[in-house]
Amino acid sequence: MDLEFHPGVQRDVNGIMAYYAREGSEALAERFFKAMQSQLAKIAAHPERFSPYPPNPRFQRAFIARFPHVILFRMKGGRPRITAIKHQRQHPRRGLSRW
């Protein structure tokens, strides 16, 4: 199944990767990127497997393994729309108004 991305998701990813490269290393940023890609592939294959996002059950969440980030998405037109990738401690409603 194809994924659709809100334009703000690119800014989310760029910011997260810049943080990991600055505070950790390029290798850490690359590990984050690979973990995120792996979770996006799982969303594309089986979006129904992910739990609802408590602040708004129209959205679903996918935790990124070994990182404190979550991918928020919702089903629209039969395909997953990725709305935000954010740190779990950011405001719960951050990114929900993007679509």
PDB file of N, CA and C in Angstrom:
ATOM      1  N   MET A   1       0.844  -1.175   0.000  1.00  0.00           N
ATOM      2  CA  MET A   1       0.000   0.000   0.000  1.00  0.00           C
ATOM      3  C   MET A   1       0.894   1.243   0.000  1.00  0.00           C
ATOM      4  N   ASP A   2       0.505   2.233  -0.748  1.00  0.00           N
ATOM      5  CA  ASP A   2       1.258   3.481  -0.815  1.00  0.00           C
ATOM      6  C   ASP A   2       0.968   4.361   0.391  1.00  0.00           C
ATOM      7  N   LEU A   3       1.971   5.086   0.804  1.00  0.00           N
ATOM      8  CA  LEU A   3       1.814   6.053   1.887  1.00  0.00           C
ATOM      9  C   LEU A   3       1.717   7.448   1.292  1.00  0.00           C
ATOM     10  N   GLU A   4       0.971   8.302   1.953  1.00  0.00           N
ATOM     11  CA  GLU A   4       0.889   9.703   1.576  1.00  0.00           C
ATOM     12  C   GLU A   4       1.474  10.502   2.744  1.00  0.00           C
ATOM     13  N   PHE A   5       2.264  11.512   2.455  1.00  0.00           N
ATOM     14  CA  PHE A   5       2.933  12.288   3.497  1.00  0.00           C
ATOM     15  C   PHE A   5       2.503  13.748   3.456  1.00  0.00           C
ATOM     16  N   HIS A   6       2.192  14.287   4.620  1.00  0.00           N
ATOM     17  CA  HIS A   6       1.970  15.724   4.720  1.00  0.00           C
ATOM     18  C   HIS A   6       3.318  16.410   4.513  1.00  0.00           C
ATOM     19  N   PRO A   7       3.364  17.574   3.835  1.00  0.00           N
ATOM     20  CA  PRO A   7       4.645  18.258   3.608  1.00  0.00           C
ATOM     21  C   PRO A   7       5.414  18.556   4.899  1.00  0.00           C
ATOM     22  N   GLY A   8       4.726  18.730   6.009  1.00  0.00           N
ATOM     23  CA  GLY A   8       5.386  19.011   7.282  1.00  0.00           C
ATOM     24  C   GLY A   8       6.201  17.846   7.815  1.00  0.00           C
ATOM     25  N   VAL A   9       5.932  16.651   7.332  1.00  0.00           N
ATOM     26  CA  VAL A   9       6.671  15.473   7.797  1.00  0.00           C
ATOM     27  C   VAL A   9       8.143  15.585   7.427  1.00  0.00           C
ATOM     28  N   GLN A  10       8.440  16.134   6.265  1.00  0.00           N
ATOM     29  CA  GLN A  10       9.841  16.308   5.862  1.00  0.00           C
ATOM     30  C   GLN A  10      10.567  17.225   6.838  1.00  0.00           C
ATOM     31  N   ARG A  11       9.911  18.290   7.279  1.00  0.00           N
ATOM     32  CA  ARG A  11      10.509  19.182   8.283  1.00  0.00           C
ATOM     33  C   ARG A  11      10.715  18.454   9.598  1.00  0.00           C
ATOM     34  N   ASP A  12       9.749  17.614   9.972  1.00  0.00           N
ATOM     35  CA  ASP A  12       9.887  16.829  11.205  1.00  0.00           C
ATOM     36  C   ASP A  12      11.138  15.967  11.148  1.00  0.00           C
ATOM     37  N   VAL A  13      11.281  15.218  10.065  1.00  0.00           N
ATOM     38  CA  VAL A  13      12.409  14.293   9.912  1.00  0.00           C
ATOM     39  C   VAL A  13      13.725  15.059   9.855  1.00  0.00           C
ATOM     40  N   ASN A  14      13.760  16.148   9.107  1.00  0.00           N
ATOM     41  CA  ASN A  14      14.988  16.942   9.019  1.00  0.00           C
ATOM     42  C   ASN A  14      15.416  17.455  10.394  1.00  0.00           C
ATOM     43  N   GLY A  15      14.458  17.929  11.176  1.00  0.00           N
ATOM     44  CA  GLY A  15      14.767  18.436  12.508  1.00  0.00           C
ATOM     45  C   GLY A  15      15.277  17.353  13.440  1.00  0.00           C
ATOM     46  N   ILE A  16      14.652  16.199  13.406  1.00  0.00           N
ATOM     47  CA  ILE A  16      15.065  15.084  14.260  1.00  0.00           C
ATOM     48  C   ILE A  16      16.465  14.620  13.870  1.00  0.00           C
ATOM     49  N   MET A  17      16.691  14.459  12.581  1.00  0.00           N
ATOM     50  CA  MET A  17      18.007  13.987  12.141  1.00  0.00           C
ATOM     51  C   MET A  17      19.096  15.008  12.436  1.00  0.00           C
ATOM     52  N   ALA A  18      18.813  16.280  12.280  1.00  0.00           N
ATOM     53  CA  ALA A  18      19.802  17.311  12.609  1.00  0.00           C
ATOM     54  C   ALA A  18      20.136  17.271  14.097  1.00  0.00           C
ATOM     55  N   TYR A  19      19.125  17.067  14.924  1.00  0.00           N
ATOM     56  CA  TYR A  19      19.359  16.970  16.364  1.00  0.00           C
ATOM     57  C   TYR A  19      20.279  15.786  16.687  1.00  0.00           C
ATOM     58  N   TYR A  20      19.973  14.611  16.136  1.00  0.00           N
ATOM     59  CA  TYR A  20      20.796  13.430  16.425  1.00  0.00           C
ATOM     60  C   TYR A  20      22.215  13.584  15.879  1.00  0.00           C
ATOM     61  N   ALA A  21      22.363  14.199  14.728  1.00  0.00           N
ATOM     62  CA  ALA A  21      23.701  14.411  14.164  1.00  0.00           C
ATOM     63  C   ALA A  21      24.497  15.391  15.028  1.00  0.00           C
ATOM     64  N   ARG A  22      23.829  16.417  15.530  1.00  0.00           N
ATOM     65  CA  ARG A  22      24.485  17.448  16.345  1.00  0.00           C
ATOM     66  C   ARG A  22      24.798  16.944  17.752  1.00  0.00           C
ATOM     67  N   GLU A  23      23.837  16.302  18.391  1.00  0.00           N
ATOM     68  CA  GLU A  23      23.985  15.887  19.787  1.00  0.00           C
ATOM     69  C   GLU A  23      24.595  14.498  19.938  1.00  0.00           C
ATOM     70  N   GLY A  24      24.548  13.718  18.902  1.00  0.00           N
ATOM     71  CA  GLY A  24      25.093  12.362  18.943  1.00  0.00           C
ATOM     72  C   GLY A  24      26.150  12.193  17.873  1.00  0.00           C
ATOM     73  N   SER A  25      25.717  11.676  16.732  1.00  0.00           N
ATOM     74  CA  SER A  25      26.634  11.475  15.601  1.00  0.00           C
ATOM     75  C   SER A  25      25.810  11.252  14.336  1.00  0.00           C
ATOM     76  N   GLU A  26      26.513  11.314  13.213  1.00  0.00           N
ATOM     77  CA  GLU A  26      25.850  11.014  11.943  1.00  0.00           C
ATOM     78  C   GLU A  26      25.338   9.573  11.942  1.00  0.00           C
ATOM     79  N   ALA A  27      26.087   8.694  12.579  1.00  0.00           N
ATOM     80  CA  ALA A  27      25.676   7.282  12.656  1.00  0.00           C
ATOM     81  C   ALA A  27      24.364   7.143  13.426  1.00  0.00           C
ATOM     82  N   LEU A  28      24.197   7.908  14.492  1.00  0.00           N
ATOM     83  CA  LEU A  28      22.954   7.873  15.268  1.00  0.00           C
ATOM     84  C   LEU A  28      21.793   8.392  14.428  1.00  0.00           C
ATOM     85  N   ALA A  29      22.027   9.477  13.705  1.00  0.00           N
ATOM     86  CA  ALA A  29      20.987  10.014  12.820  1.00  0.00           C
ATOM     87  C   ALA A  29      20.586   8.972  11.772  1.00  0.00           C
ATOM     88  N   GLU A  30      21.564   8.258  11.245  1.00  0.00           N
ATOM     89  CA  GLU A  30      21.291   7.227  10.241  1.00  0.00           C
ATOM     90  C   GLU A  30      20.508   6.059  10.858  1.00  0.00           C
ATOM     91  N   ARG A  31      20.828   5.683  12.090  1.00  0.00           N
ATOM     92  CA  ARG A  31      20.074   4.612  12.766  1.00  0.00           C
ATOM     93  C   ARG A  31      18.621   5.025  12.961  1.00  0.00           C
ATOM     94  N   PHE A  32      18.404   6.296  13.334  1.00  0.00           N
ATOM     95  CA  PHE A  32      17.034   6.782  13.462  1.00  0.00           C
ATOM     96  C   PHE A  32      16.312   6.658  12.120  1.00  0.00           C
ATOM     97  N   PHE A  33      16.961   7.110  11.055  1.00  0.00           N
ATOM     98  CA  PHE A  33      16.335   7.096   9.740  1.00  0.00           C
ATOM     99  C   PHE A  33      15.962   5.679   9.317  1.00  0.00           C
ATOM    100  N   LYS A  34      16.849   4.731   9.549  1.00  0.00           N
ATOM    101  CA  LYS A  34      16.558   3.336   9.185  1.00  0.00           C
ATOM    102  C   LYS A  34      15.415   2.767  10.028  1.00  0.00           C
ATOM    103  N   ALA A  35      15.386   3.079  11.316  1.00  0.00           N
ATOM    104  CA  ALA A  35      14.302   2.606  12.184  1.00  0.00           C
ATOM    105  C   ALA A  35      12.968   3.208  11.739  1.00  0.00           C
ATOM    106  N   MET A  36      12.992   4.480  11.362  1.00  0.00           N
ATOM    107  CA  MET A  36      11.784   5.140  10.887  1.00  0.00           C
ATOM    108  C   MET A  36      11.305   4.505   9.579  1.00  0.00           C
ATOM    109  N   GLN A  37      12.224   4.263   8.645  1.00  0.00           N
ATOM    110  CA  GLN A  37      11.858   3.630   7.372  1.00  0.00           C
ATOM    111  C   GLN A  37      11.256   2.242   7.607  1.00  0.00           C
ATOM    112  N   SER A  38      11.817   1.502   8.539  1.00  0.00           N
ATOM    113  CA  SER A  38      11.295   0.171   8.845  1.00  0.00           C
ATOM    114  C   SER A  38       9.853   0.254   9.340  1.00  0.00           C
ATOM    115  N   GLN A  39       9.595   1.217  10.215  1.00  0.00           N
ATOM    116  CA  GLN A  39       8.227   1.358  10.743  1.00  0.00           C
ATOM    117  C   GLN A  39       7.283   1.857   9.660  1.00  0.00           C
ATOM    118  N   LEU A  40       7.733   2.735   8.789  1.00  0.00           N
ATOM    119  CA  LEU A  40       6.885   3.192   7.681  1.00  0.00           C
ATOM    120  C   LEU A  40       6.524   2.033   6.755  1.00  0.00           C
ATOM    121  N   ALA A  41       7.461   1.121   6.521  1.00  0.00           N
ATOM    122  CA  ALA A  41       7.175  -0.060   5.692  1.00  0.00           C
ATOM    123  C   ALA A  41       6.109  -0.931   6.352  1.00  0.00           C
ATOM    124  N   LYS A  42       6.155  -1.047   7.665  1.00  0.00           N
ATOM    125  CA  LYS A  42       5.138  -1.834   8.391  1.00  0.00           C
ATOM    126  C   LYS A  42       3.776  -1.160   8.316  1.00  0.00           C
ATOM    127  N   ILE A  43       3.751   0.169   8.410  1.00  0.00           N
ATOM    128  CA  ILE A  43       2.485   0.894   8.272  1.00  0.00           C
ATOM    129  C   ILE A  43       1.911   0.658   6.882  1.00  0.00           C
ATOM    130  N   ALA A  44       2.754   0.739   5.859  1.00  0.00           N
ATOM    131  CA  ALA A  44       2.292   0.540   4.487  1.00  0.00           C
ATOM    132  C   ALA A  44       1.729  -0.869   4.286  1.00  0.00           C
ATOM    133  N   ALA A  45       2.366  -1.856   4.904  1.00  0.00           N
ATOM    134  CA  ALA A  45       1.947  -3.247   4.715  1.00  0.00           C
ATOM    135  C   ALA A  45       0.693  -3.599   5.510  1.00  0.00           C
ATOM    136  N   HIS A  46       0.607  -3.112   6.757  1.00  0.00           N
ATOM    137  CA  HIS A  46      -0.504  -3.500   7.648  1.00  0.00           C
ATOM    138  C   HIS A  46      -0.921  -2.347   8.550  1.00  0.00           C
ATOM    139  N   PRO A  47      -1.543  -1.316   8.013  1.00  0.00           N
ATOM    140  CA  PRO A  47      -1.907  -0.165   8.854  1.00  0.00           C
ATOM    141  C   PRO A  47      -2.903  -0.502   9.955  1.00  0.00           C
ATOM    142  N   GLU A  48      -3.671  -1.547   9.763  1.00  0.00           N
ATOM    143  CA  GLU A  48      -4.688  -1.915  10.760  1.00  0.00           C
ATOM    144  C   GLU A  48      -4.076  -2.446  12.052  1.00  0.00           C
ATOM    145  N   ARG A  49      -2.820  -2.786  12.048  1.00  0.00           N
ATOM    146  CA  ARG A  49      -2.165  -3.347  13.231  1.00  0.00           C
ATOM    147  C   ARG A  49      -1.796  -2.309  14.290  1.00  0.00           C
ATOM    148  N   PHE A  50      -1.922  -1.039  13.962  1.00  0.00           N
ATOM    149  CA  PHE A  50      -1.461  -0.006  14.884  1.00  0.00           C
ATOM    150  C   PHE A  50      -2.610   0.564  15.699  1.00  0.00           C
ATOM    151  N   SER A  51      -2.292   0.902  16.940  1.00  0.00           N
ATOM    152  CA  SER A  51      -3.312   1.334  17.890  1.00  0.00           C
ATOM    153  C   SER A  51      -3.750   2.777  17.638  1.00  0.00           C
ATOM    154  N   PRO A  52      -4.971   3.091  18.090  1.00  0.00           N
ATOM    155  CA  PRO A  52      -5.454   4.475  17.975  1.00  0.00           C
ATOM    156  C   PRO A  52      -4.606   5.402  18.843  1.00  0.00           C
ATOM    157  N   TYR A  53      -4.550   6.641  18.456  1.00  0.00           N
ATOM    158  CA  TYR A  53      -3.823   7.663  19.200  1.00  0.00           C
ATOM    159  C   TYR A  53      -4.802   8.290  20.188  1.00  0.00           C
ATOM    160  N   PRO A  54      -4.565   8.158  21.493  1.00  0.00           N
ATOM    161  CA  PRO A  54      -5.562   8.566  22.489  1.00  0.00           C
ATOM    162  C   PRO A  54      -6.131   9.982  22.380  1.00  0.00           C
ATOM    163  N   PRO A  55      -5.340  11.024  22.071  1.00  0.00           N
ATOM    164  CA  PRO A  55      -5.978  12.347  21.982  1.00  0.00           C
ATOM    165  C   PRO A  55      -7.010  12.462  20.868  1.00  0.00           C
ATOM    166  N   ASN A  56      -6.876  11.637  19.832  1.00  0.00           N
ATOM    167  CA  ASN A  56      -7.830  11.673  18.722  1.00  0.00           C
ATOM    168  C   ASN A  56      -7.845  10.294  18.068  1.00  0.00           C
ATOM    169  N   PRO A  57      -8.850   9.471  18.359  1.00  0.00           N
ATOM    170  CA  PRO A  57      -8.873   8.090  17.851  1.00  0.00           C
ATOM    171  C   PRO A  57      -9.012   7.953  16.338  1.00  0.00           C
ATOM    172  N   ARG A  58      -9.218   9.065  15.608  1.00  0.00           N
ATOM    173  CA  ARG A  58      -9.202   8.976  14.135  1.00  0.00           C
ATOM    174  C   ARG A  58      -7.792   8.726  13.633  1.00  0.00           C
ATOM    175  N   PHE A  59      -6.806   9.029  14.476  1.00  0.00           N
ATOM    176  CA  PHE A  59      -5.401   8.837  14.128  1.00  0.00           C
ATOM    177  C   PHE A  59      -4.884   7.560  14.765  1.00  0.00           C
ATOM    178  N   GLN A  60      -3.850   7.014  14.164  1.00  0.00           N
ATOM    179  CA  GLN A  60      -3.162   5.851  14.721  1.00  0.00           C
ATOM    180  C   GLN A  60      -1.718   6.234  14.954  1.00  0.00           C
ATOM    181  N   ARG A  61      -1.043   5.454  15.811  1.00  0.00           N
ATOM    182  CA  ARG A  61       0.349   5.761  16.124  1.00  0.00           C
ATOM    183  C   ARG A  61       1.213   4.526  15.953  1.00  0.00           C
ATOM    184  N   ALA A  62       2.448   4.794  15.582  1.00  0.00           N
ATOM    185  CA  ALA A  62       3.440   3.732  15.431  1.00  0.00           C
ATOM    186  C   ALA A  62       4.720   4.220  16.101  1.00  0.00           C
ATOM    187  N   PHE A  63       5.139   3.518  17.127  1.00  0.00           N
ATOM    188  CA  PHE A  63       6.356   3.892  17.842  1.00  0.00           C
ATOM    189  C   PHE A  63       7.572   3.464  17.032  1.00  0.00           C
ATOM    190  N   ILE A  64       8.604   4.301  17.033  1.00  0.00           N
ATOM    191  CA  ILE A  64       9.845   3.998  16.320  1.00  0.00           C
ATOM    192  C   ILE A  64      10.767   3.281  17.299  1.00  0.00           C
ATOM    193  N   ALA A  65      11.146   2.060  16.971  1.00  0.00           N
ATOM    194  CA  ALA A  65      11.945   1.216  17.864  1.00  0.00           C
ATOM    195  C   ALA A  65      13.248   1.909  18.276  1.00  0.00           C
ATOM    196  N   ARG A  66      13.547   1.843  19.553  1.00  0.00           N
ATOM    197  CA  ARG A  66      14.778   2.353  20.162  1.00  0.00           C
ATOM    198  C   ARG A  66      14.903   3.872  20.135  1.00  0.00           C
ATOM    199  N   PHE A  67      13.839   4.577  19.760  1.00  0.00           N
ATOM    200  CA  PHE A  67      13.858   6.034  19.746  1.00  0.00           C
ATOM    201  C   PHE A  67      12.564   6.544  20.378  1.00  0.00           C
ATOM    202  N   PRO A  68      12.619   7.709  21.032  1.00  0.00           N
ATOM    203  CA  PRO A  68      11.424   8.235  21.701  1.00  0.00           C
ATOM    204  C   PRO A  68      10.518   9.039  20.759  1.00  0.00           C
ATOM    205  N   HIS A  69      10.292   8.495  19.575  1.00  0.00           N
ATOM    206  CA  HIS A  69       9.476   9.189  18.581  1.00  0.00           C
ATOM    207  C   HIS A  69       8.317   8.303  18.136  1.00  0.00           C
ATOM    208  N   VAL A  70       7.305   8.957  17.645  1.00  0.00           N
ATOM    209  CA  VAL A  70       6.105   8.261  17.193  1.00  0.00           C
ATOM    210  C   VAL A  70       5.695   8.819  15.832  1.00  0.00           C
ATOM    211  N   ILE A  71       5.184   7.930  15.002  1.00  0.00           N
ATOM    212  CA  ILE A  71       4.640   8.312  13.698  1.00  0.00           C
ATOM    213  C   ILE A  71       3.126   8.363  13.850  1.00  0.00           C
ATOM    214  N   LEU A  72       2.523   9.491  13.506  1.00  0.00           N
ATOM    215  CA  LEU A  72       1.068   9.625  13.555  1.00  0.00           C
ATOM    216  C   LEU A  72       0.521   9.560  12.138  1.00  0.00           C
ATOM    217  N   PHE A  73      -0.537   8.777  11.970  1.00  0.00           N
ATOM    218  CA  PHE A  73      -1.156   8.659  10.645  1.00  0.00           C
ATOM    219  C   PHE A  73      -2.636   8.391  10.795  1.00  0.00           C
ATOM    220  N   ARG A  74      -3.344   8.588   9.704  1.00  0.00           N
ATOM    221  CA  ARG A  74      -4.760   8.212   9.665  1.00  0.00           C
ATOM    222  C   ARG A  74      -5.079   7.686   8.287  1.00  0.00           C
ATOM    223  N   MET A  75      -6.100   6.877   8.230  1.00  0.00           N
ATOM    224  CA  MET A  75      -6.515   6.302   6.964  1.00  0.00           C
ATOM    225  C   MET A  75      -7.439   7.300   6.261  1.00  0.00           C
ATOM    226  N   LYS A  76      -7.150   7.538   5.011  1.00  0.00           N
ATOM    227  CA  LYS A  76      -7.964   8.447   4.211  1.00  0.00           C
ATOM    228  C   LYS A  76      -7.957   7.929   2.788  1.00  0.00           C
ATOM    229  N   GLY A  77      -9.114   7.697   2.249  1.00  0.00           N
ATOM    230  CA  GLY A  77      -9.201   7.185   0.881  1.00  0.00           C
ATOM    231  C   GLY A  77      -8.585   5.801   0.741  1.00  0.00           C
ATOM    232  N   GLY A  78      -8.598   5.019   1.814  1.00  0.00           N
ATOM    233  CA  GLY A  78      -8.079   3.656   1.770  1.00  0.00           C
ATOM    234  C   GLY A  78      -6.569   3.531   1.881  1.00  0.00           C
ATOM    235  N   ARG A  79      -5.879   4.633   2.181  1.00  0.00           N
ATOM    236  CA  ARG A  79      -4.426   4.549   2.338  1.00  0.00           C
ATOM    237  C   ARG A  79      -3.965   5.395   3.518  1.00  0.00           C
ATOM    238  N   PRO A  80      -2.842   5.017   4.114  1.00  0.00           N
ATOM    239  CA  PRO A  80      -2.343   5.756   5.274  1.00  0.00           C
ATOM    240  C   PRO A  80      -1.775   7.121   4.876  1.00  0.00           C
ATOM    241  N   ARG A  81      -2.162   8.130   5.627  1.00  0.00           N
ATOM    242  CA  ARG A  81      -1.625   9.482   5.462  1.00  0.00           C
ATOM    243  C   ARG A  81      -0.764   9.784   6.685  1.00  0.00           C
ATOM    244  N   ILE A  82       0.519   9.927   6.485  1.00  0.00           N
ATOM    245  CA  ILE A  82       1.427  10.238   7.583  1.00  0.00           C
ATOM    246  C   ILE A  82       1.316  11.734   7.845  1.00  0.00           C
ATOM    247  N   THR A  83       0.918  12.097   9.066  1.00  0.00           N
ATOM    248  CA  THR A  83       0.697  13.505   9.379  1.00  0.00           C
ATOM    249  C   THR A  83       1.825  14.123  10.191  1.00  0.00           C
ATOM    250  N   ALA A  84       2.505  13.336  11.013  1.00  0.00           N
ATOM    251  CA  ALA A  84       3.578  13.900  11.837  1.00  0.00           C
ATOM    252  C   ALA A  84       4.493  12.787  12.330  1.00  0.00           C
ATOM    253  N   ILE A  85       5.743  13.159  12.542  1.00  0.00           N
ATOM    254  CA  ILE A  85       6.702  12.305  13.240  1.00  0.00           C
ATOM    255  C   ILE A  85       7.256  13.192  14.340  1.00  0.00           C
ATOM    256  N   LYS A  86       6.998  12.809  15.580  1.00  0.00           N
ATOM    257  CA  LYS A  86       7.332  13.702  16.681  1.00  0.00           C
ATOM    258  C   LYS A  86       7.850  12.949  17.894  1.00  0.00           C
ATOM    259  N   HIS A  87       8.518  13.701  18.766  1.00  0.00           N
ATOM    260  CA  HIS A  87       8.996  13.157  20.035  1.00  0.00           C
ATOM    261  C   HIS A  87       7.772  12.881  20.902  1.00  0.00           C
ATOM    262  N   GLN A  88       7.815  11.817  21.671  1.00  0.00           N
ATOM    263  CA  GLN A  88       6.665  11.436  22.489  1.00  0.00           C
ATOM    264  C   GLN A  88       6.338  12.469  23.568  1.00  0.00           C
ATOM    265  N   ARG A  89       7.289  13.321  23.924  1.00  0.00           N
ATOM    266  CA  ARG A  89       7.030  14.331  24.951  1.00  0.00           C
ATOM    267  C   ARG A  89       6.517  15.652  24.383  1.00  0.00           C
ATOM    268  N   GLN A  90       6.415  15.753  23.088  1.00  0.00           N
ATOM    269  CA  GLN A  90       5.831  16.963  22.509  1.00  0.00           C
ATOM    270  C   GLN A  90       4.335  16.957  22.786  1.00  0.00           C
ATOM    271  N   HIS A  91       3.732  18.119  22.667  1.00  0.00           N
ATOM    272  CA  HIS A  91       2.302  18.240  22.966  1.00  0.00           C
ATOM    273  C   HIS A  91       1.519  17.167  22.207  1.00  0.00           C
ATOM    274  N   PRO A  92       0.582  16.489  22.889  1.00  0.00           N
ATOM    275  CA  PRO A  92      -0.163  15.382  22.257  1.00  0.00           C
ATOM    276  C   PRO A  92      -0.914  15.774  20.983  1.00  0.00           C
ATOM    277  N   ARG A  93      -1.314  17.015  20.872  1.00  0.00           N
ATOM    278  CA  ARG A  93      -2.078  17.427  19.685  1.00  0.00           C
ATOM    279  C   ARG A  93      -1.202  17.964  18.562  1.00  0.00           C
ATOM    280  N   ARG A  94       0.106  18.026  18.772  1.00  0.00           N
ATOM    281  CA  ARG A  94       1.002  18.540  17.735  1.00  0.00           C
ATOM    282  C   ARG A  94       0.903  17.675  16.479  1.00  0.00           C
ATOM    283  N   GLY A  95       0.613  18.294  15.361  1.00  0.00           N
ATOM    284  CA  GLY A  95       0.536  17.604  14.085  1.00  0.00           C
ATOM    285  C   GLY A  95      -0.842  17.094  13.714  1.00  0.00           C
ATOM    286  N   LEU A  96      -1.786  17.100  14.650  1.00  0.00           N
ATOM    287  CA  LEU A  96      -3.109  16.559  14.343  1.00  0.00           C
ATOM    288  C   LEU A  96      -3.926  17.460  13.422  1.00  0.00           C
ATOM    289  N   SER A  97      -3.594  18.729  13.364  1.00  0.00           N
ATOM    290  CA  SER A  97      -4.380  19.643  12.525  1.00  0.00           C
ATOM    291  C   SER A  97      -3.831  19.747  11.105  1.00  0.00           C
ATOM    292  N   ARG A  98      -2.801  18.971  10.786  1.00  0.00           N
ATOM    293  CA  ARG A  98      -2.193  19.083   9.472  1.00  0.00           C
ATOM    294  C   ARG A  98      -3.112  18.605   8.343  1.00  0.00           C
ATOM    295  N   TRP A  99      -3.989  17.657   8.622  1.00  0.00           N
ATOM    296  CA  TRP A  99      -4.904  17.206   7.565  1.00  0.00           C
ATOM    297  C   TRP A  99      -6.307  17.194   8.087  1.00  0.00           C
TER     298      TRP A  99
END
